[in-house]
């Protein structure tokens, strides 16, 4: 009576033949031997990496530079809004908005560079306040920075007749 075949699909070793690697493992061994014998592309990976790596670095630093520009824009807009909120208060002294924007930008860090050269500017009319903050974004890539200019508007608080 013959023995049933094992459930894992393996066969018993034939007489006179040593038991070795069977199935997929045997195929992988053959592929490795054939690649090593015929000289696979040994050393090609470092060359490919040397060709592709500059492009990867340019994309990486370029994306970081764009992110720094967006953060600088957000910082300038928040400073302008802070200046408008300070300047639009009823009977606010002249220069209150500029002082508040300067305090905000000093505390915000160096995301916006050169904001203090012209400084924040607020123009107060009879019914409206407009504050503008200008500067340049932080430079991650040497020699590359972007201009930033953000403006905020608000109405002046005043007494009116009903």
N, C-alpha and C. Protein backbone atom coordinates (compact mmCIF):
# COMPACT_ATOMS: atom_id res chain seq x y z
N UNK A 1 0.84 -1.17 0.00
CA UNK A 1 0.00 0.00 0.00
C UNK A 1 0.89 1.24 0.00
N UNK A 2 0.68 2.19 -0.97
CA UNK A 2 1.54 3.38 -1.04
C UNK A 2 1.21 4.36 0.07
N UNK A 3 2.26 5.12 0.46
CA UNK A 3 2.06 6.13 1.51
C UNK A 3 1.42 7.38 0.92
N UNK A 4 0.57 8.05 1.70
CA UNK A 4 -0.03 9.29 1.19
C UNK A 4 1.03 10.39 1.08
N UNK A 5 0.84 11.31 0.10
CA UNK A 5 1.79 12.41 -0.11
C UNK A 5 1.67 13.42 1.05
N UNK A 6 2.78 14.02 1.42
CA UNK A 6 2.73 15.02 2.50
C UNK A 6 1.87 16.22 2.09
N UNK A 7 1.31 16.91 3.08
CA UNK A 7 0.40 18.03 2.83
C UNK A 7 1.13 19.26 2.31
N UNK A 8 2.43 19.40 2.57
CA UNK A 8 3.14 20.60 2.15
C UNK A 8 3.63 20.53 0.72
N UNK A 9 3.38 19.47 -0.01
CA UNK A 9 3.74 19.35 -1.42
C UNK A 9 5.16 18.88 -1.65
N UNK A 10 5.91 18.55 -0.61
CA UNK A 10 7.29 18.10 -0.80
C UNK A 10 7.28 16.59 -1.07
N UNK A 11 8.37 16.12 -1.68
CA UNK A 11 8.51 14.69 -1.98
C UNK A 11 9.65 14.13 -1.15
N UNK A 12 9.56 12.89 -0.83
CA UNK A 12 10.69 12.28 -0.14
C UNK A 12 11.87 12.16 -1.10
N UNK A 13 13.08 12.21 -0.57
CA UNK A 13 14.28 12.12 -1.40
C UNK A 13 14.37 10.73 -2.03
N UNK A 14 14.80 10.71 -3.31
CA UNK A 14 14.97 9.42 -3.99
C UNK A 14 16.23 8.75 -3.47
N UNK A 15 16.26 7.49 -3.64
CA UNK A 15 17.43 6.73 -3.18
C UNK A 15 18.65 7.15 -3.98
N UNK A 16 19.75 7.38 -3.34
CA UNK A 16 20.99 7.75 -4.00
C UNK A 16 21.10 9.24 -4.27
N UNK A 17 20.12 10.03 -3.89
CA UNK A 17 20.16 11.48 -4.11
C UNK A 17 20.01 12.17 -2.76
N UNK A 18 20.93 13.09 -2.42
CA UNK A 18 20.83 13.73 -1.10
C UNK A 18 19.62 14.66 -1.02
N UNK A 19 19.08 14.75 0.16
CA UNK A 19 17.95 15.67 0.37
C UNK A 19 18.52 17.08 0.42
N UNK A 20 17.98 17.98 -0.37
CA UNK A 20 18.48 19.37 -0.42
C UNK A 20 17.32 20.34 -0.48
N UNK A 21 17.62 21.55 -0.99
CA UNK A 21 16.61 22.59 -1.10
C UNK A 21 15.63 22.21 -2.19
N UNK A 22 14.36 22.35 -1.92
CA UNK A 22 13.32 21.96 -2.86
C UNK A 22 12.42 23.17 -3.16
N UNK A 23 11.71 23.13 -4.26
CA UNK A 23 10.68 24.11 -4.59
C UNK A 23 11.25 25.48 -4.91
N UNK A 24 10.60 26.52 -4.32
CA UNK A 24 10.97 27.90 -4.61
C UNK A 24 12.38 28.22 -4.16
N UNK A 25 12.83 27.65 -3.05
CA UNK A 25 14.19 27.88 -2.59
C UNK A 25 15.21 27.38 -3.59
N UNK A 26 14.91 26.26 -4.23
CA UNK A 26 15.82 25.70 -5.23
C UNK A 26 15.89 26.62 -6.45
N UNK A 27 14.77 27.19 -6.84
CA UNK A 27 14.73 28.10 -7.97
C UNK A 27 15.55 29.35 -7.69
N UNK A 28 15.41 29.89 -6.48
CA UNK A 28 16.19 31.08 -6.11
C UNK A 28 17.68 30.80 -6.12
N UNK A 29 18.08 29.64 -5.66
CA UNK A 29 19.49 29.27 -5.68
C UNK A 29 20.01 29.21 -7.11
N UNK A 30 19.23 28.66 -8.01
CA UNK A 30 19.65 28.59 -9.41
C UNK A 30 19.79 29.98 -10.01
N UNK A 31 18.83 30.87 -9.71
CA UNK A 31 18.89 32.24 -10.25
C UNK A 31 20.12 32.95 -9.72
N UNK A 32 20.39 32.84 -8.43
CA UNK A 32 21.59 33.48 -7.86
C UNK A 32 22.86 32.97 -8.50
N UNK A 33 22.96 31.64 -8.68
CA UNK A 33 24.15 31.07 -9.30
C UNK A 33 24.32 31.58 -10.72
N UNK A 34 23.23 31.64 -11.47
CA UNK A 34 23.31 32.08 -12.86
C UNK A 34 23.71 33.55 -12.93
N UNK A 35 23.16 34.42 -12.06
CA UNK A 35 23.53 35.83 -12.08
C UNK A 35 25.00 36.02 -11.70
N UNK A 36 25.45 35.31 -10.69
CA UNK A 36 26.85 35.43 -10.28
C UNK A 36 27.79 34.89 -11.34
N UNK A 37 27.40 33.83 -12.01
CA UNK A 37 28.27 33.22 -13.01
C UNK A 37 28.38 34.11 -14.25
N UNK A 38 27.28 34.75 -14.66
CA UNK A 38 27.30 35.55 -15.88
C UNK A 38 27.60 37.02 -15.60
N UNK A 39 27.94 37.40 -14.43
CA UNK A 39 28.35 38.76 -14.11
C UNK A 39 27.18 39.75 -14.18
N UNK A 40 26.30 39.71 -13.21
CA UNK A 40 25.19 40.66 -13.17
C UNK A 40 25.77 42.07 -13.06
N UNK A 41 24.94 43.05 -13.17
CA UNK A 41 25.40 44.45 -13.17
C UNK A 41 25.93 44.82 -11.80
N UNK A 42 27.07 44.34 -11.47
CA UNK A 42 27.65 44.64 -10.16
C UNK A 42 28.26 46.03 -10.19
N UNK A 43 27.93 46.84 -9.19
CA UNK A 43 28.46 48.20 -9.12
C UNK A 43 27.58 49.21 -9.81
N UNK A 44 26.46 48.81 -10.38
CA UNK A 44 25.60 49.75 -11.09
C UNK A 44 24.81 50.63 -10.13
N UNK A 45 24.47 50.12 -8.96
CA UNK A 45 23.67 50.91 -8.01
C UNK A 45 24.36 52.19 -7.56
N UNK A 46 25.63 52.20 -7.20
CA UNK A 46 26.26 53.47 -6.83
C UNK A 46 26.28 54.48 -7.97
N UNK A 47 26.46 54.02 -9.19
CA UNK A 47 26.46 54.93 -10.33
C UNK A 47 25.08 55.52 -10.54
N UNK A 48 24.05 54.70 -10.46
CA UNK A 48 22.69 55.20 -10.60
C UNK A 48 22.37 56.21 -9.51
N UNK A 49 22.79 55.92 -8.31
CA UNK A 49 22.55 56.83 -7.19
C UNK A 49 23.27 58.16 -7.40
N UNK A 50 24.49 58.12 -7.92
CA UNK A 50 25.25 59.36 -8.16
C UNK A 50 24.58 60.21 -9.24
N UNK A 51 23.90 59.58 -10.17
CA UNK A 51 23.23 60.32 -11.23
C UNK A 51 21.92 60.92 -10.72
N UNK A 52 21.18 60.19 -9.91
CA UNK A 52 19.85 60.61 -9.47
C UNK A 52 19.89 61.52 -8.23
N UNK A 53 20.91 61.38 -7.40
CA UNK A 53 20.94 62.10 -6.12
C UNK A 53 20.90 63.63 -6.26
N UNK A 54 21.60 64.27 -7.19
CA UNK A 54 21.47 65.73 -7.30
C UNK A 54 20.03 66.18 -7.58
N UNK A 55 19.32 65.45 -8.41
CA UNK A 55 17.93 65.82 -8.69
C UNK A 55 17.06 65.67 -7.44
N UNK A 56 17.31 64.63 -6.69
CA UNK A 56 16.55 64.42 -5.45
C UNK A 56 16.84 65.54 -4.45
N UNK A 57 18.09 65.94 -4.33
CA UNK A 57 18.44 67.02 -3.40
C UNK A 57 17.86 68.37 -3.83
N UNK A 58 17.85 68.65 -5.14
CA UNK A 58 17.25 69.89 -5.63
C UNK A 58 15.76 69.92 -5.30
N UNK A 59 15.07 68.81 -5.53
CA UNK A 59 13.64 68.75 -5.21
C UNK A 59 13.40 68.89 -3.71
N UNK A 60 14.23 68.26 -2.90
CA UNK A 60 14.07 68.33 -1.45
C UNK A 60 14.26 69.76 -0.94
N UNK A 61 15.38 70.39 -1.31
CA UNK A 61 15.64 71.74 -0.81
C UNK A 61 14.69 72.76 -1.45
N UNK A 62 14.27 72.52 -2.69
CA UNK A 62 13.29 73.42 -3.31
C UNK A 62 11.96 73.38 -2.58
N UNK A 63 11.51 72.20 -2.20
CA UNK A 63 10.25 72.12 -1.47
C UNK A 63 10.35 72.74 -0.08
N UNK A 64 11.50 72.61 0.55
CA UNK A 64 11.68 73.26 1.86
C UNK A 64 11.69 74.77 1.70
N UNK A 65 12.30 75.28 0.61
CA UNK A 65 12.32 76.72 0.36
C UNK A 65 10.92 77.26 0.13
N UNK A 66 10.11 76.53 -0.62
CA UNK A 66 8.72 76.96 -0.86
C UNK A 66 7.93 76.95 0.45
N UNK A 67 8.15 75.95 1.28
CA UNK A 67 7.47 75.90 2.58
C UNK A 67 7.89 77.08 3.45
N UNK A 68 9.16 77.46 3.42
CA UNK A 68 9.62 78.62 4.19
C UNK A 68 8.96 79.90 3.68
N UNK A 69 8.73 80.00 2.37
CA UNK A 69 8.06 81.16 1.81
C UNK A 69 6.61 81.24 2.29
N UNK A 70 5.91 80.10 2.32
CA UNK A 70 4.54 80.09 2.82
C UNK A 70 4.47 80.48 4.29
N UNK A 71 5.40 80.01 5.10
CA UNK A 71 5.41 80.38 6.51
C UNK A 71 5.71 81.88 6.67
N UNK A 72 6.60 82.41 5.85
CA UNK A 72 6.90 83.85 5.90
C UNK A 72 5.67 84.67 5.52
N UNK A 73 4.92 84.22 4.52
CA UNK A 73 3.69 84.92 4.14
C UNK A 73 2.67 84.90 5.28
N UNK A 74 2.52 83.76 5.92
CA UNK A 74 1.57 83.66 7.03
C UNK A 74 1.99 84.55 8.19
N UNK A 75 3.29 84.59 8.46
CA UNK A 75 3.81 85.44 9.54
C UNK A 75 3.54 86.91 9.23
N UNK A 76 3.80 87.34 7.99
CA UNK A 76 3.58 88.74 7.61
C UNK A 76 2.09 89.09 7.69
N UNK A 77 1.22 88.19 7.25
CA UNK A 77 -0.21 88.46 7.30
C UNK A 77 -0.70 88.56 8.75
N UNK A 78 -0.23 87.68 9.62
CA UNK A 78 -0.62 87.76 11.03
C UNK A 78 -0.12 89.05 11.67
N UNK A 79 1.08 89.48 11.31
CA UNK A 79 1.59 90.74 11.85
C UNK A 79 0.75 91.92 11.36
N UNK A 80 0.36 91.91 10.08
CA UNK A 80 -0.47 92.99 9.55
C UNK A 80 -1.84 93.01 10.21
N UNK A 81 -2.43 91.85 10.44
CA UNK A 81 -3.72 91.80 11.12
C UNK A 81 -3.62 92.28 12.57
N UNK A 82 -2.53 91.93 13.22
CA UNK A 82 -2.31 92.39 14.59
C UNK A 82 -2.18 93.91 14.62
N UNK A 83 -1.47 94.46 13.63
CA UNK A 83 -1.31 95.91 13.55
C UNK A 83 -2.66 96.60 13.31
N UNK A 84 -3.47 96.03 12.44
CA UNK A 84 -4.80 96.62 12.18
C UNK A 84 -5.64 96.59 13.44
N UNK A 85 -5.62 95.47 14.17
CA UNK A 85 -6.42 95.37 15.40
C UNK A 85 -5.97 96.40 16.43
N UNK A 86 -4.69 96.70 16.48
CA UNK A 86 -4.21 97.70 17.45
C UNK A 86 -4.53 99.12 17.00
N UNK A 87 -4.48 99.37 15.70
CA UNK A 87 -4.65 100.74 15.19
C UNK A 87 -6.12 101.12 15.03
N UNK A 88 -7.02 100.17 14.93
CA UNK A 88 -8.42 100.50 14.68
C UNK A 88 -9.20 100.81 15.95
N UNK A 89 -8.59 100.62 17.11
CA UNK A 89 -9.26 100.90 18.38
C UNK A 89 -9.61 102.40 18.44
N UNK A 90 -10.75 102.70 19.06
CA UNK A 90 -11.20 104.09 19.19
C UNK A 90 -10.13 104.94 19.87
N UNK A 91 -9.75 106.01 19.20
CA UNK A 91 -8.73 106.96 19.69
C UNK A 91 -7.37 106.30 19.92
N UNK A 92 -6.99 105.41 19.07
CA UNK A 92 -5.66 104.77 19.18
C UNK A 92 -4.59 105.81 18.83
N UNK A 93 -3.49 105.81 19.57
CA UNK A 93 -2.43 106.78 19.27
C UNK A 93 -1.75 106.45 17.94
N UNK A 94 -1.21 107.43 17.25
CA UNK A 94 -0.50 107.13 16.01
C UNK A 94 0.71 106.24 16.28
N UNK A 95 0.92 105.26 15.44
CA UNK A 95 2.05 104.35 15.61
C UNK A 95 1.76 103.13 16.45
N UNK A 96 0.55 103.00 16.97
CA UNK A 96 0.22 101.83 17.80
C UNK A 96 0.25 100.55 16.96
N UNK A 97 -0.23 100.62 15.73
CA UNK A 97 -0.24 99.45 14.86
C UNK A 97 1.16 99.00 14.48
N UNK A 98 2.01 99.98 14.13
CA UNK A 98 3.39 99.64 13.77
C UNK A 98 4.13 99.01 14.94
N UNK A 99 3.92 99.54 16.14
CA UNK A 99 4.60 99.00 17.33
C UNK A 99 4.12 97.58 17.62
N UNK A 100 2.82 97.34 17.48
CA UNK A 100 2.30 96.00 17.74
C UNK A 100 2.81 95.00 16.70
N UNK A 101 2.87 95.42 15.43
CA UNK A 101 3.39 94.53 14.38
C UNK A 101 4.87 94.23 14.62
N UNK A 102 5.64 95.23 15.02
CA UNK A 102 7.06 95.02 15.28
C UNK A 102 7.26 94.06 16.45
N UNK A 103 6.43 94.19 17.49
CA UNK A 103 6.52 93.27 18.64
C UNK A 103 6.16 91.85 18.20
N UNK A 104 5.14 91.72 17.36
CA UNK A 104 4.75 90.39 16.87
C UNK A 104 5.87 89.76 16.05
N UNK A 105 6.45 90.53 15.14
CA UNK A 105 7.50 89.98 14.27
C UNK A 105 8.78 89.65 15.04
N UNK A 106 9.06 90.41 16.08
CA UNK A 106 10.22 90.09 16.91
C UNK A 106 10.02 88.77 17.64
N UNK A 107 8.81 88.53 18.10
CA UNK A 107 8.51 87.29 18.82
C UNK A 107 8.34 86.10 17.87
N UNK A 108 8.01 86.35 16.60
CA UNK A 108 7.71 85.27 15.66
C UNK A 108 8.95 84.52 15.18
N UNK A 109 10.11 85.09 15.31
CA UNK A 109 11.32 84.41 14.84
C UNK A 109 11.77 84.95 13.50
N UNK A 110 12.63 84.19 12.83
CA UNK A 110 13.28 84.66 11.61
C UNK A 110 12.65 84.16 10.33
N UNK A 111 11.39 83.80 10.34
CA UNK A 111 10.77 83.34 9.10
C UNK A 111 10.67 84.47 8.09
N UNK A 112 10.44 85.68 8.57
CA UNK A 112 10.38 86.86 7.71
C UNK A 112 11.62 87.69 7.98
N UNK A 113 12.48 87.79 6.97
CA UNK A 113 13.77 88.47 7.11
C UNK A 113 13.67 89.86 6.50
N UNK A 114 14.28 90.84 7.12
CA UNK A 114 14.33 92.19 6.58
C UNK A 114 13.04 92.97 6.73
N UNK A 115 12.18 92.56 7.63
CA UNK A 115 10.92 93.27 7.82
C UNK A 115 11.13 94.63 8.47
N UNK A 116 12.25 94.80 9.16
CA UNK A 116 12.48 96.04 9.89
C UNK A 116 13.13 97.14 9.06
N UNK A 117 13.54 96.84 7.81
CA UNK A 117 14.18 97.88 6.99
C UNK A 117 13.19 98.98 6.65
N UNK A 118 12.09 98.71 5.94
CA UNK A 118 11.10 99.78 5.84
C UNK A 118 10.19 99.78 7.06
N UNK A 119 10.05 98.66 7.72
CA UNK A 119 9.18 98.53 8.88
C UNK A 119 7.73 98.42 8.48
N UNK A 120 6.89 97.91 9.37
CA UNK A 120 5.46 97.84 9.09
C UNK A 120 4.89 99.25 8.91
N UNK A 121 3.97 99.40 8.00
CA UNK A 121 3.38 100.71 7.72
C UNK A 121 1.87 100.63 7.84
N UNK A 122 1.31 101.57 8.59
CA UNK A 122 -0.14 101.65 8.75
C UNK A 122 -0.62 103.02 8.28
N UNK A 123 -1.69 103.00 7.52
CA UNK A 123 -2.32 104.22 7.05
C UNK A 123 -3.73 104.25 7.63
N UNK A 124 -4.02 105.30 8.40
CA UNK A 124 -5.32 105.41 9.04
C UNK A 124 -6.11 106.52 8.37
N UNK A 125 -7.26 106.15 7.80
CA UNK A 125 -8.17 107.14 7.22
C UNK A 125 -9.29 107.44 8.20
N UNK A 126 -10.33 108.09 7.73
CA UNK A 126 -11.44 108.43 8.62
C UNK A 126 -12.28 107.20 8.96
N UNK A 127 -12.33 106.22 8.03
CA UNK A 127 -13.16 105.05 8.28
C UNK A 127 -12.40 103.73 8.18
N UNK A 128 -11.18 103.74 7.69
CA UNK A 128 -10.48 102.49 7.44
C UNK A 128 -9.00 102.57 7.83
N UNK A 129 -8.49 101.42 8.26
CA UNK A 129 -7.06 101.27 8.58
C UNK A 129 -6.48 100.22 7.65
N UNK A 130 -5.32 100.53 7.07
CA UNK A 130 -4.63 99.58 6.21
C UNK A 130 -3.19 99.47 6.70
N UNK A 131 -2.77 98.23 6.99
CA UNK A 131 -1.41 97.99 7.46
C UNK A 131 -0.73 97.01 6.50
N UNK A 132 0.53 97.31 6.16
CA UNK A 132 1.30 96.49 5.24
C UNK A 132 2.61 96.08 5.89
N UNK A 133 2.94 94.81 5.75
CA UNK A 133 4.21 94.27 6.25
C UNK A 133 4.95 93.68 5.06
N UNK A 134 6.21 94.08 4.88
CA UNK A 134 7.02 93.57 3.78
C UNK A 134 8.32 92.97 4.32
N UNK A 135 8.89 92.09 3.55
CA UNK A 135 10.16 91.46 3.92
C UNK A 135 10.53 90.41 2.90
N UNK A 136 11.39 89.49 3.29
CA UNK A 136 11.82 88.40 2.42
C UNK A 136 11.74 87.10 3.22
N UNK A 137 11.52 86.01 2.50
CA UNK A 137 11.43 84.72 3.19
C UNK A 137 12.81 84.26 3.63
N UNK A 138 12.83 83.39 4.60
CA UNK A 138 14.07 82.79 5.08
C UNK A 138 14.70 81.99 3.94
N UNK A 139 16.02 82.09 3.78
CA UNK A 139 16.69 81.40 2.69
C UNK A 139 17.24 80.06 3.16
N UNK A 140 16.72 78.98 2.59
CA UNK A 140 17.22 77.63 2.86
C UNK A 140 18.28 77.29 1.82
N UNK A 141 18.00 77.62 0.57
CA UNK A 141 18.95 77.45 -0.52
C UNK A 141 19.74 78.75 -0.62
N UNK A 142 21.06 78.72 -0.54
CA UNK A 142 21.84 79.97 -0.56
C UNK A 142 21.54 80.81 -1.80
N UNK A 143 21.26 82.07 -1.56
CA UNK A 143 20.99 82.99 -2.65
C UNK A 143 19.56 83.00 -3.15
N UNK A 144 18.71 82.15 -2.60
CA UNK A 144 17.31 82.08 -3.05
C UNK A 144 16.41 82.49 -1.90
N UNK A 145 15.71 83.58 -2.10
CA UNK A 145 14.66 83.99 -1.17
C UNK A 145 13.60 84.73 -1.97
N UNK A 146 12.40 84.79 -1.45
CA UNK A 146 11.28 85.37 -2.16
C UNK A 146 10.76 86.58 -1.40
N UNK A 147 10.29 87.58 -2.16
CA UNK A 147 9.71 88.77 -1.55
C UNK A 147 8.35 88.44 -0.97
N UNK A 148 8.06 89.04 0.17
CA UNK A 148 6.79 88.83 0.85
C UNK A 148 6.19 90.20 1.15
N UNK A 149 4.91 90.36 0.80
CA UNK A 149 4.20 91.62 1.10
C UNK A 149 2.76 91.24 1.42
N UNK A 150 2.33 91.54 2.63
CA UNK A 150 0.97 91.22 3.06
C UNK A 150 0.31 92.48 3.62
N UNK A 151 -0.96 92.64 3.29
CA UNK A 151 -1.72 93.82 3.70
C UNK A 151 -3.01 93.36 4.37
N UNK A 152 -3.39 94.09 5.42
CA UNK A 152 -4.66 93.81 6.12
C UNK A 152 -5.43 95.12 6.24
N UNK A 153 -6.75 95.01 6.18
CA UNK A 153 -7.63 96.18 6.26
C UNK A 153 -8.62 95.99 7.40
N UNK A 154 -9.07 97.11 7.94
CA UNK A 154 -10.09 97.06 8.97
C UNK A 154 -10.76 98.41 9.10
N UNK A 155 -11.94 98.42 9.69
CA UNK A 155 -12.65 99.69 9.88
C UNK A 155 -12.26 100.29 11.22
N UNK A 156 -12.23 101.60 11.25
CA UNK A 156 -11.87 102.33 12.47
C UNK A 156 -13.10 102.39 13.37
N UNK A 157 -12.89 102.12 14.64
CA UNK A 157 -13.98 102.25 15.60
C UNK A 157 -14.23 103.73 15.84
N UNK A 158 -15.51 104.14 15.76
CA UNK A 158 -15.86 105.56 15.96
C UNK A 158 -17.32 105.66 16.40
N UNK A 159 -17.63 106.79 16.96
CA UNK A 159 -19.02 107.05 17.35
C UNK A 159 -19.80 107.52 16.14
N UNK A 160 -20.98 106.94 15.96
CA UNK A 160 -21.85 107.38 14.86
C UNK A 160 -23.24 107.63 15.44
N UNK A 161 -24.02 108.35 14.68
CA UNK A 161 -25.40 108.58 15.10
C UNK A 161 -26.28 107.53 14.46
N UNK A 162 -27.24 107.08 15.17
CA UNK A 162 -28.02 105.95 14.84
C UNK A 162 -29.07 106.03 13.87
